C-alpha cells in the first residue's frame, strides 16, 4: 500500500507500507528501514518551505532508523503513528499526523499533509511539531487563518482524546515480510 501526500496537483511525499490489517474502517500499515519512499528535498536551512511553492518532483529514497505502524482511519483529519527504534526495539512514542482525511487511490490512500503535527512521548507528555513549517504555509497562503485554526483544533482534539495506548505498542512484525518499494506510477496524480 502506498500513502501519498498531494498538494497543488503534485505528489509531495509517498511511502510504501506493508498492510498488517484493514477492516474497512481503519488500516494498520507498517514501515521499516529499507521501505521505499519519496519526498521533496529540504532547503539549505533544513526546512521544507519550498514544498509549498516548488514544481520540483519528489525524489525516491529509503526509510531509515525507525519502525512505524500507522493507524490510518477513514474520516478523521489525522493518522496515528507508533514509532520504535529499529536497532533496540524500544518504543519511542506516538506521532499524530495532521492531514486531510485520507481518500482511496489506485495505490492505497492519498491525503494532504497539513504541516503541523504532534509528538507524544511514552509517558504521555507531548509537543507540537513543525510549527515553523506550519507558519510558512500560512504565510504563503497554503492555509488561511480559518483553515489553520481548524488544523490546530484537530490536533487539540486528538490530544484531549488521548487515543493512546492503542494496544499495538508491544506488536512485532513478521521478520520474513518482504520490504516494499515504490510502484511504477507512484508520482502520477
N, C-alpha and C. Protein backbone atom coordinates (compact mmCIF):
# COMPACT_ATOMS: atom_id res chain seq x y z
N UNK A 1 0.84 -1.16 0.00
CA UNK A 1 0.00 0.00 0.00
C UNK A 1 0.89 1.24 0.00
N UNK A 2 0.45 2.24 -0.71
CA UNK A 2 1.18 3.49 -0.79
C UNK A 2 0.35 4.59 -0.15
N UNK A 3 0.94 5.36 0.74
CA UNK A 3 0.30 6.54 1.30
C UNK A 3 1.01 7.74 0.71
N UNK A 4 0.23 8.62 0.06
CA UNK A 4 0.82 9.79 -0.60
C UNK A 4 0.23 11.07 -0.04
N UNK A 5 1.07 12.11 0.01
CA UNK A 5 0.61 13.46 0.32
C UNK A 5 0.66 14.24 -0.98
N UNK A 6 -0.49 14.78 -1.36
CA UNK A 6 -0.60 15.51 -2.63
C UNK A 6 -1.06 16.92 -2.33
N UNK A 7 -0.37 17.87 -2.93
CA UNK A 7 -0.79 19.26 -2.81
C UNK A 7 -0.55 19.97 -4.12
N UNK A 8 -1.53 20.74 -4.54
CA UNK A 8 -1.42 21.54 -5.75
C UNK A 8 -1.10 20.68 -6.98
N UNK A 9 -1.67 19.48 -7.01
CA UNK A 9 -1.52 18.60 -8.16
C UNK A 9 -0.21 17.84 -8.25
N UNK A 10 0.59 17.88 -7.19
CA UNK A 10 1.89 17.20 -7.19
C UNK A 10 2.01 16.28 -5.98
N UNK A 11 2.66 15.14 -6.17
CA UNK A 11 2.98 14.26 -5.06
C UNK A 11 4.14 14.89 -4.31
N UNK A 12 3.91 15.20 -3.04
CA UNK A 12 4.95 15.82 -2.20
C UNK A 12 5.66 14.79 -1.35
N UNK A 13 4.99 13.66 -1.10
CA UNK A 13 5.55 12.60 -0.27
C UNK A 13 4.81 11.32 -0.63
N UNK A 14 5.53 10.22 -0.68
CA UNK A 14 4.93 8.91 -0.92
C UNK A 14 5.73 7.87 -0.15
N UNK A 15 5.04 6.96 0.53
CA UNK A 15 5.72 5.95 1.34
C UNK A 15 5.03 4.61 1.17
N UNK A 16 5.82 3.61 0.78
CA UNK A 16 5.31 2.24 0.63
C UNK A 16 5.17 1.60 2.01
N UNK A 17 4.05 0.91 2.23
CA UNK A 17 3.74 0.27 3.50
C UNK A 17 3.42 -1.21 3.28
N UNK A 18 3.56 -1.97 4.33
CA UNK A 18 3.05 -3.33 4.39
C UNK A 18 1.74 -3.28 5.17
N UNK A 19 0.65 -3.73 4.57
CA UNK A 19 -0.64 -3.71 5.27
C UNK A 19 -0.67 -4.86 6.27
N UNK A 20 -0.89 -4.53 7.53
CA UNK A 20 -0.95 -5.51 8.61
C UNK A 20 -2.39 -5.93 8.85
N UNK A 21 -3.30 -4.96 8.73
CA UNK A 21 -4.72 -5.20 8.99
C UNK A 21 -5.50 -4.10 8.30
N UNK A 22 -6.68 -4.44 7.79
CA UNK A 22 -7.56 -3.43 7.21
C UNK A 22 -8.98 -3.95 7.36
N UNK A 23 -9.75 -3.31 8.25
CA UNK A 23 -11.12 -3.76 8.50
C UNK A 23 -12.15 -2.91 7.76
N UNK A 24 -11.69 -2.07 6.83
CA UNK A 24 -12.59 -1.21 6.10
C UNK A 24 -12.83 0.14 6.75
N UNK A 25 -12.54 0.23 8.04
CA UNK A 25 -12.65 1.49 8.77
C UNK A 25 -11.27 2.05 9.08
N UNK A 26 -10.37 1.15 9.45
CA UNK A 26 -9.03 1.54 9.80
C UNK A 26 -8.03 0.55 9.23
N UNK A 27 -6.95 1.07 8.68
CA UNK A 27 -5.85 0.24 8.20
C UNK A 27 -4.67 0.40 9.15
N UNK A 28 -4.01 -0.70 9.44
CA UNK A 28 -2.74 -0.68 10.17
C UNK A 28 -1.68 -0.99 9.13
N UNK A 29 -0.78 -0.04 8.92
CA UNK A 29 0.21 -0.16 7.85
C UNK A 29 1.61 0.06 8.42
N UNK A 30 2.52 -0.83 8.05
CA UNK A 30 3.84 -0.91 8.67
C UNK A 30 4.94 -0.42 7.73
N UNK A 31 5.90 0.30 8.33
CA UNK A 31 7.09 0.79 7.62
C UNK A 31 8.31 0.42 8.45
N UNK A 32 9.37 -0.03 7.76
CA UNK A 32 10.63 -0.30 8.46
C UNK A 32 11.78 0.20 7.60
N UNK A 33 12.95 0.28 8.17
CA UNK A 33 14.09 0.70 7.36
C UNK A 33 14.20 -0.15 6.10
N UNK A 34 14.43 0.53 4.99
CA UNK A 34 14.52 -0.14 3.70
C UNK A 34 13.29 0.04 2.84
N UNK A 35 12.15 0.42 3.45
CA UNK A 35 10.95 0.67 2.67
C UNK A 35 11.19 1.85 1.75
N UNK A 36 10.68 1.75 0.54
CA UNK A 36 10.84 2.82 -0.43
C UNK A 36 9.91 3.98 -0.14
N UNK A 37 10.43 5.18 -0.31
CA UNK A 37 9.58 6.37 -0.20
C UNK A 37 10.15 7.46 -1.08
N UNK A 38 9.43 8.55 -1.18
CA UNK A 38 9.89 9.70 -1.95
C UNK A 38 9.44 10.95 -1.21
N UNK A 39 10.27 11.98 -1.26
CA UNK A 39 9.93 13.24 -0.61
C UNK A 39 10.63 14.37 -1.32
N UNK A 40 10.13 15.55 -1.09
CA UNK A 40 10.83 16.73 -1.59
C UNK A 40 12.08 16.94 -0.77
N UNK A 41 13.11 17.47 -1.39
CA UNK A 41 14.33 17.76 -0.66
C UNK A 41 14.13 18.94 0.29
N UNK A 42 14.96 19.01 1.29
CA UNK A 42 14.95 20.15 2.21
C UNK A 42 15.86 21.23 1.64
N UNK A 43 15.53 22.46 1.98
CA UNK A 43 16.36 23.58 1.57
C UNK A 43 17.68 23.57 2.32
N UNK A 44 18.55 24.49 2.00
CA UNK A 44 19.86 24.57 2.65
C UNK A 44 19.73 24.77 4.15
N UNK A 45 18.66 25.40 4.60
CA UNK A 45 18.46 25.64 6.03
C UNK A 45 17.77 24.46 6.71
N UNK A 46 17.53 23.37 5.95
CA UNK A 46 16.90 22.18 6.52
C UNK A 46 15.39 22.24 6.58
N UNK A 47 14.79 23.33 6.09
CA UNK A 47 13.35 23.48 6.13
C UNK A 47 12.71 23.01 4.84
N UNK A 48 11.41 22.76 4.92
CA UNK A 48 10.63 22.29 3.78
C UNK A 48 9.87 23.41 3.08
N UNK A 49 10.23 24.66 3.33
CA UNK A 49 9.49 25.79 2.79
C UNK A 49 9.15 25.60 1.31
N UNK A 50 10.11 25.15 0.52
CA UNK A 50 9.90 25.02 -0.92
C UNK A 50 8.80 24.03 -1.28
N UNK A 51 8.45 23.12 -0.38
CA UNK A 51 7.44 22.11 -0.75
C UNK A 51 6.11 22.75 -1.10
N UNK A 52 5.86 23.93 -0.59
CA UNK A 52 4.59 24.59 -0.85
C UNK A 52 4.60 25.35 -2.17
N UNK A 53 5.76 25.66 -2.71
CA UNK A 53 5.81 26.51 -3.89
C UNK A 53 6.59 25.91 -5.06
N UNK A 54 7.25 24.79 -4.86
CA UNK A 54 8.09 24.23 -5.91
C UNK A 54 7.31 23.33 -6.87
N UNK A 55 7.79 23.27 -8.08
CA UNK A 55 7.27 22.28 -9.03
C UNK A 55 8.25 21.12 -9.17
N UNK A 56 9.32 21.13 -8.37
CA UNK A 56 10.29 20.04 -8.39
C UNK A 56 9.60 18.75 -7.95
N UNK A 57 9.94 17.63 -8.55
CA UNK A 57 9.31 16.37 -8.14
C UNK A 57 9.92 15.83 -6.84
N UNK A 58 9.13 15.03 -6.14
CA UNK A 58 9.65 14.27 -5.01
C UNK A 58 10.65 13.26 -5.55
N UNK A 59 11.67 12.94 -4.77
CA UNK A 59 12.71 12.03 -5.23
C UNK A 59 12.73 10.76 -4.36
N UNK A 60 12.94 9.60 -4.99
CA UNK A 60 12.96 8.34 -4.24
C UNK A 60 14.11 8.27 -3.23
N UNK A 61 13.84 7.56 -2.14
CA UNK A 61 14.82 7.34 -1.08
C UNK A 61 14.42 6.07 -0.33
N UNK A 62 15.15 5.73 0.71
CA UNK A 62 14.82 4.58 1.55
C UNK A 62 14.61 5.06 2.98
N UNK A 63 13.56 4.53 3.63
CA UNK A 63 13.27 4.86 5.02
C UNK A 63 14.40 4.34 5.89
N UNK A 64 14.74 5.10 6.95
CA UNK A 64 15.86 4.73 7.81
C UNK A 64 15.47 4.79 9.29
N UNK A 65 16.18 4.09 10.12
CA UNK A 65 16.24 4.17 11.58
C UNK A 65 15.04 3.69 12.38
N UNK A 66 13.83 4.00 11.98
CA UNK A 66 12.68 3.66 12.84
C UNK A 66 11.73 2.70 12.14
N UNK A 67 11.01 1.97 12.99
CA UNK A 67 9.87 1.19 12.52
C UNK A 67 8.64 1.97 12.92
N UNK A 68 7.64 1.98 12.05
CA UNK A 68 6.43 2.74 12.31
C UNK A 68 5.22 1.89 11.93
N UNK A 69 4.24 1.89 12.79
CA UNK A 69 2.94 1.31 12.46
C UNK A 69 1.95 2.46 12.43
N UNK A 70 1.42 2.74 11.24
CA UNK A 70 0.44 3.81 11.08
C UNK A 70 -0.95 3.24 11.22
N UNK A 71 -1.77 3.87 12.05
CA UNK A 71 -3.18 3.55 12.18
C UNK A 71 -3.91 4.62 11.39
N UNK A 72 -4.41 4.24 10.24
CA UNK A 72 -4.98 5.18 9.28
C UNK A 72 -6.49 4.95 9.22
N UNK A 73 -7.23 5.88 9.81
CA UNK A 73 -8.69 5.77 9.82
C UNK A 73 -9.27 6.57 8.66
N UNK A 74 -10.35 6.05 8.11
CA UNK A 74 -11.08 6.77 7.07
C UNK A 74 -12.02 7.76 7.78
N UNK A 75 -11.87 9.03 7.48
CA UNK A 75 -12.75 10.04 8.07
C UNK A 75 -12.02 11.12 8.85
N UNK A 76 -11.29 10.78 9.92
CA UNK A 76 -10.63 11.82 10.70
C UNK A 76 -9.53 12.54 9.91
N UNK A 77 -9.23 13.75 10.36
CA UNK A 77 -8.19 14.56 9.71
C UNK A 77 -6.83 14.35 10.37
N UNK A 78 -6.53 13.08 10.65
CA UNK A 78 -5.22 12.72 11.20
C UNK A 78 -5.01 11.21 11.08
N UNK A 79 -3.76 10.81 11.19
CA UNK A 79 -3.40 9.41 11.36
C UNK A 79 -2.50 9.33 12.58
N UNK A 80 -2.42 8.16 13.19
CA UNK A 80 -1.61 7.98 14.39
C UNK A 80 -0.51 6.97 14.10
N UNK A 81 0.73 7.39 14.30
CA UNK A 81 1.86 6.50 14.10
C UNK A 81 2.47 6.07 15.42
N UNK A 82 2.84 4.80 15.52
CA UNK A 82 3.58 4.27 16.66
C UNK A 82 5.01 4.06 16.19
N UNK A 83 5.99 4.63 16.89
CA UNK A 83 7.39 4.59 16.47
C UNK A 83 8.23 3.74 17.42
N UNK A 84 9.09 2.90 16.83
CA UNK A 84 10.06 2.11 17.59
C UNK A 84 11.44 2.35 17.01
N UNK A 85 12.45 2.34 17.84
CA UNK A 85 13.83 2.36 17.37
C UNK A 85 14.10 1.00 16.74
N UNK A 86 14.58 0.97 15.51
CA UNK A 86 14.76 -0.31 14.83
C UNK A 86 15.87 -1.14 15.46
N UNK A 87 16.94 -0.49 15.91
CA UNK A 87 18.08 -1.23 16.45
C UNK A 87 17.79 -1.82 17.82
N UNK A 88 17.07 -1.08 18.67
CA UNK A 88 16.86 -1.52 20.05
C UNK A 88 15.46 -2.06 20.32
N UNK A 89 14.53 -1.87 19.39
CA UNK A 89 13.12 -2.25 19.55
C UNK A 89 12.41 -1.42 20.62
N UNK A 90 13.05 -0.35 21.12
CA UNK A 90 12.44 0.50 22.14
C UNK A 90 11.29 1.30 21.53
N UNK A 91 10.16 1.29 22.25
CA UNK A 91 9.03 2.10 21.82
C UNK A 91 9.37 3.55 22.08
N UNK A 92 9.28 4.40 21.05
CA UNK A 92 9.69 5.80 21.16
C UNK A 92 8.54 6.75 21.42
N UNK A 93 7.33 6.42 20.93
CA UNK A 93 6.19 7.29 21.17
C UNK A 93 5.21 7.26 20.01
N UNK A 94 4.23 8.17 20.10
CA UNK A 94 3.17 8.28 19.11
C UNK A 94 3.31 9.58 18.34
N UNK A 95 2.94 9.53 17.08
CA UNK A 95 3.04 10.70 16.20
C UNK A 95 1.66 10.94 15.61
N UNK A 96 1.10 12.12 15.87
CA UNK A 96 -0.20 12.48 15.30
C UNK A 96 0.08 13.27 14.02
N UNK A 97 -0.20 12.66 12.89
CA UNK A 97 -0.02 13.26 11.57
C UNK A 97 -1.30 14.00 11.21
N UNK A 98 -1.28 15.33 11.29
CA UNK A 98 -2.45 16.10 10.90
C UNK A 98 -2.48 16.21 9.39
N UNK A 99 -3.62 15.87 8.81
CA UNK A 99 -3.73 15.77 7.36
C UNK A 99 -5.19 15.85 6.96
N UNK A 100 -5.44 16.09 5.69
CA UNK A 100 -6.81 15.95 5.21
C UNK A 100 -7.22 14.49 5.39
N UNK A 101 -8.52 14.22 5.56
CA UNK A 101 -8.94 12.82 5.63
C UNK A 101 -8.43 12.05 4.40
N UNK A 102 -8.01 10.81 4.62
CA UNK A 102 -7.50 10.01 3.52
C UNK A 102 -8.61 9.70 2.53
N UNK A 103 -8.22 9.56 1.28
CA UNK A 103 -9.15 9.16 0.23
C UNK A 103 -8.49 8.02 -0.55
N UNK A 104 -9.28 7.05 -1.00
CA UNK A 104 -8.70 5.92 -1.73
C UNK A 104 -8.02 6.38 -3.02
N UNK A 105 -6.96 5.69 -3.37
CA UNK A 105 -6.28 5.91 -4.65
C UNK A 105 -5.98 4.53 -5.23
N UNK A 106 -5.56 4.47 -6.48
CA UNK A 106 -5.21 3.16 -7.06
C UNK A 106 -4.07 2.46 -6.32
N UNK A 107 -3.30 3.22 -5.54
CA UNK A 107 -2.13 2.66 -4.85
C UNK A 107 -2.38 2.39 -3.37
N UNK A 108 -3.40 3.01 -2.80
CA UNK A 108 -3.67 2.92 -1.36
C UNK A 108 -4.50 4.10 -0.93
N UNK A 109 -3.83 5.10 -0.34
CA UNK A 109 -4.52 6.29 0.13
C UNK A 109 -3.74 7.54 -0.25
N UNK A 110 -4.49 8.60 -0.57
CA UNK A 110 -3.93 9.93 -0.78
C UNK A 110 -4.50 10.85 0.29
N UNK A 111 -3.75 11.88 0.62
CA UNK A 111 -4.17 12.89 1.56
C UNK A 111 -3.34 14.14 1.26
N UNK A 112 -3.44 15.13 2.12
CA UNK A 112 -2.55 16.29 2.06
C UNK A 112 -2.06 16.56 3.47
N UNK A 113 -0.76 16.51 3.64
CA UNK A 113 -0.13 16.83 4.91
C UNK A 113 -0.45 18.28 5.25
N UNK A 114 -0.80 18.54 6.50
CA UNK A 114 -1.16 19.89 6.90
C UNK A 114 -0.07 20.56 7.74
N UNK A 115 1.15 20.07 7.61
CA UNK A 115 2.36 20.67 8.17
C UNK A 115 2.48 20.50 9.68
N UNK A 116 1.48 20.86 10.45
CA UNK A 116 1.56 20.79 11.90
C UNK A 116 1.29 19.36 12.37
N UNK A 117 2.08 18.89 13.33
CA UNK A 117 1.92 17.53 13.86
C UNK A 117 2.11 17.57 15.37
N UNK A 118 1.88 16.43 16.01
CA UNK A 118 2.05 16.32 17.46
C UNK A 118 2.91 15.09 17.74
N UNK A 119 3.91 15.25 18.61
CA UNK A 119 4.69 14.11 19.10
C UNK A 119 4.29 13.85 20.54
N UNK A 120 4.00 12.57 20.85
CA UNK A 120 3.60 12.18 22.20
C UNK A 120 4.61 11.16 22.72
N UNK A 121 5.24 11.48 23.84
CA UNK A 121 6.22 10.59 24.47
C UNK A 121 5.51 9.42 25.16
N UNK A 122 6.25 8.32 25.42
CA UNK A 122 5.62 7.18 26.10
C UNK A 122 4.97 7.53 27.44
N UNK A 123 5.45 8.60 28.10
CA UNK A 123 4.84 8.99 29.38
C UNK A 123 3.60 9.86 29.20
N UNK A 124 3.21 10.14 27.94
CA UNK A 124 2.02 10.94 27.65
C UNK A 124 2.28 12.42 27.48
N UNK A 125 3.49 12.90 27.80
CA UNK A 125 3.79 14.31 27.55
C UNK A 125 3.88 14.50 26.04
N UNK A 126 3.60 15.72 25.58
CA UNK A 126 3.52 15.94 24.14
C UNK A 126 4.06 17.31 23.76
N UNK A 127 4.36 17.46 22.47
CA UNK A 127 4.83 18.72 21.90
C UNK A 127 4.27 18.85 20.49
N UNK A 128 4.02 20.11 20.08
CA UNK A 128 3.72 20.38 18.68
C UNK A 128 4.99 20.18 17.87
N UNK A 129 4.86 19.69 16.66
CA UNK A 129 5.99 19.53 15.73
C UNK A 129 5.76 20.40 14.51
N UNK A 130 6.84 20.88 13.96
CA UNK A 130 6.83 21.57 12.66
C UNK A 130 6.02 22.87 12.68
N UNK A 131 6.06 23.59 13.80
CA UNK A 131 5.33 24.86 13.86
C UNK A 131 5.90 25.89 12.89
N UNK A 132 7.20 25.85 12.63
CA UNK A 132 7.79 26.80 11.68
C UNK A 132 7.28 26.51 10.27
N UNK A 133 7.22 25.22 9.90
CA UNK A 133 6.69 24.83 8.60
C UNK A 133 5.22 25.25 8.48
N UNK A 134 4.46 25.07 9.55
CA UNK A 134 3.05 25.47 9.57
C UNK A 134 2.92 26.98 9.37
N UNK A 135 3.74 27.75 10.07
CA UNK A 135 3.72 29.21 9.92
C UNK A 135 4.09 29.62 8.49
N UNK A 136 5.08 28.93 7.90
CA UNK A 136 5.45 29.20 6.50
C UNK A 136 4.27 28.95 5.57
N UNK A 137 3.57 27.84 5.80
CA UNK A 137 2.42 27.50 4.95
C UNK A 137 1.33 28.55 5.06
N UNK A 138 1.09 29.06 6.25
CA UNK A 138 0.09 30.10 6.44
C UNK A 138 0.54 31.38 5.73
N UNK A 139 1.80 31.75 5.93
CA UNK A 139 2.34 32.97 5.31
C UNK A 139 2.25 32.90 3.79
N UNK A 140 2.47 31.71 3.23
CA UNK A 140 2.43 31.54 1.78
C UNK A 140 1.00 31.39 1.23
N UNK A 141 0.01 31.36 2.11
CA UNK A 141 -1.38 31.26 1.66
C UNK A 141 -1.85 29.84 1.40
N UNK A 142 -1.06 28.85 1.82
CA UNK A 142 -1.49 27.45 1.66
C UNK A 142 -2.71 27.20 2.54
N UNK A 143 -2.68 27.73 3.75
CA UNK A 143 -3.82 27.65 4.67
C UNK A 143 -4.18 29.07 5.08
N UNK A 144 -5.47 29.40 5.04
CA UNK A 144 -5.89 30.70 5.56
C UNK A 144 -6.06 30.57 7.08
N UNK A 145 -6.37 31.67 7.73
CA UNK A 145 -6.47 31.66 9.20
C UNK A 145 -7.53 30.69 9.70
N UNK A 146 -8.66 30.62 8.99
CA UNK A 146 -9.73 29.69 9.40
C UNK A 146 -9.28 28.24 9.26
N UNK A 147 -8.62 27.90 8.16
CA UNK A 147 -8.11 26.54 7.97
C UNK A 147 -7.05 26.22 9.01
N UNK A 148 -6.15 27.17 9.26
CA UNK A 148 -5.10 26.96 10.26
C UNK A 148 -5.69 26.69 11.64
N UNK A 149 -6.73 27.44 11.99
CA UNK A 149 -7.38 27.24 13.28
C UNK A 149 -8.02 25.85 13.35
N UNK A 150 -8.61 25.39 12.25
CA UNK A 150 -9.23 24.06 12.22
C UNK A 150 -8.17 22.96 12.34
N UNK A 151 -7.02 23.15 11.70
CA UNK A 151 -5.94 22.17 11.79
C UNK A 151 -5.45 22.06 13.23
N UNK A 152 -5.19 23.21 13.86
CA UNK A 152 -4.72 23.20 15.24
C UNK A 152 -5.80 22.60 16.16
N UNK A 153 -7.06 22.90 15.90
CA UNK A 153 -8.15 22.36 16.71
C UNK A 153 -8.22 20.84 16.59
N UNK A 154 -7.95 20.29 15.41
CA UNK A 154 -7.91 18.83 15.25
C UNK A 154 -6.81 18.24 16.12
N UNK A 155 -5.64 18.86 16.11
CA UNK A 155 -4.55 18.40 16.97
C UNK A 155 -4.95 18.45 18.44
N UNK A 156 -5.56 19.54 18.85
CA UNK A 156 -6.00 19.68 20.24
C UNK A 156 -7.06 18.65 20.60
N UNK A 157 -7.95 18.36 19.65
CA UNK A 157 -8.98 17.34 19.88
C UNK A 157 -8.36 15.98 20.12
N UNK A 158 -7.35 15.62 19.29
CA UNK A 158 -6.69 14.33 19.44
C UNK A 158 -5.94 14.28 20.77
N UNK A 159 -5.25 15.36 21.11
CA UNK A 159 -4.53 15.40 22.38
C UNK A 159 -5.49 15.19 23.55
N UNK A 160 -6.63 15.88 23.52
CA UNK A 160 -7.62 15.75 24.59
C UNK A 160 -8.19 14.34 24.66
N UNK A 161 -8.40 13.71 23.50
CA UNK A 161 -8.95 12.35 23.46
C UNK A 161 -7.91 11.32 23.90
N UNK A 162 -6.63 11.64 23.72
CA UNK A 162 -5.52 10.75 24.10
C UNK A 162 -5.79 9.30 23.70
N UNK A 163 -5.82 9.01 22.39
CA UNK A 163 -6.12 7.64 21.95
C UNK A 163 -4.93 6.68 22.09
N UNK A 164 -4.16 6.86 23.12
CA UNK A 164 -3.00 6.02 23.40
C UNK A 164 -3.06 5.63 24.87
N UNK A 165 -2.60 4.47 25.24
CA UNK A 165 -2.05 3.45 24.36
C UNK A 165 -3.13 2.85 23.45
N UNK A 166 -2.67 2.27 22.37
CA UNK A 166 -3.57 1.77 21.33
C UNK A 166 -3.79 0.27 21.39
N UNK A 167 -2.94 -0.44 22.15
CA UNK A 167 -2.97 -1.90 22.14
C UNK A 167 -1.95 -2.47 21.17
N UNK A 168 -1.32 -1.62 20.37
CA UNK A 168 -0.31 -2.06 19.40
C UNK A 168 1.12 -1.84 19.90
N UNK A 169 1.30 -1.27 21.05
CA UNK A 169 2.63 -0.86 21.50
C UNK A 169 3.62 -2.02 21.63
N UNK A 170 3.14 -3.23 21.93
CA UNK A 170 4.03 -4.39 22.05
C UNK A 170 4.04 -5.25 20.79
N UNK A 171 3.37 -4.79 19.75
CA UNK A 171 3.29 -5.52 18.49
C UNK A 171 4.67 -5.65 17.85
N UNK A 172 4.91 -6.78 17.20
CA UNK A 172 6.15 -7.00 16.47
C UNK A 172 5.80 -7.52 15.07
N UNK A 173 6.50 -7.05 14.05
CA UNK A 173 6.23 -7.51 12.69
C UNK A 173 6.85 -8.89 12.44
N UNK A 174 6.35 -9.53 11.41
CA UNK A 174 6.95 -10.78 10.95
C UNK A 174 8.27 -10.45 10.26
N UNK A 175 9.39 -10.99 10.73
CA UNK A 175 10.68 -10.66 10.12
C UNK A 175 10.78 -11.07 8.65
N UNK A 176 9.95 -12.03 8.24
CA UNK A 176 10.03 -12.53 6.86
C UNK A 176 9.27 -11.69 5.85
N UNK A 177 8.52 -10.68 6.31
CA UNK A 177 7.76 -9.87 5.38
C UNK A 177 8.68 -9.18 4.38
N UNK A 178 8.31 -9.20 3.11
CA UNK A 178 9.13 -8.51 2.12
C UNK A 178 9.09 -7.00 2.34
N UNK A 179 10.12 -6.33 1.88
CA UNK A 179 10.21 -4.87 2.00
C UNK A 179 9.69 -4.26 0.71
N UNK A 180 8.58 -3.50 0.78
CA UNK A 180 8.02 -2.94 -0.45
C UNK A 180 8.81 -1.72 -0.95
N UNK A 181 8.70 -1.53 -2.24
CA UNK A 181 9.32 -0.35 -2.86
C UNK A 181 8.20 0.47 -3.51
N UNK A 182 8.58 1.63 -4.00
CA UNK A 182 7.60 2.46 -4.69
C UNK A 182 7.17 1.79 -5.99
N UNK A 183 5.88 1.69 -6.26
CA UNK A 183 5.42 1.07 -7.51
C UNK A 183 5.58 2.04 -8.67
N UNK A 184 5.59 1.49 -9.87
CA UNK A 184 5.58 2.34 -11.07
C UNK A 184 4.35 3.23 -11.00
N UNK A 185 4.52 4.49 -11.36
CA UNK A 185 3.40 5.42 -11.40
C UNK A 185 3.12 6.10 -10.07
N UNK A 186 3.93 5.86 -9.06
CA UNK A 186 3.71 6.44 -7.74
C UNK A 186 3.59 7.96 -7.79
N UNK A 187 4.21 8.58 -8.79
CA UNK A 187 4.26 10.04 -8.85
C UNK A 187 3.16 10.65 -9.73
N UNK A 188 2.29 9.82 -10.28
CA UNK A 188 1.19 10.34 -11.10
C UNK A 188 -0.04 10.61 -10.26
N UNK A 189 -0.63 11.76 -10.46
CA UNK A 189 -1.85 12.13 -9.72
C UNK A 189 -3.05 11.85 -10.59
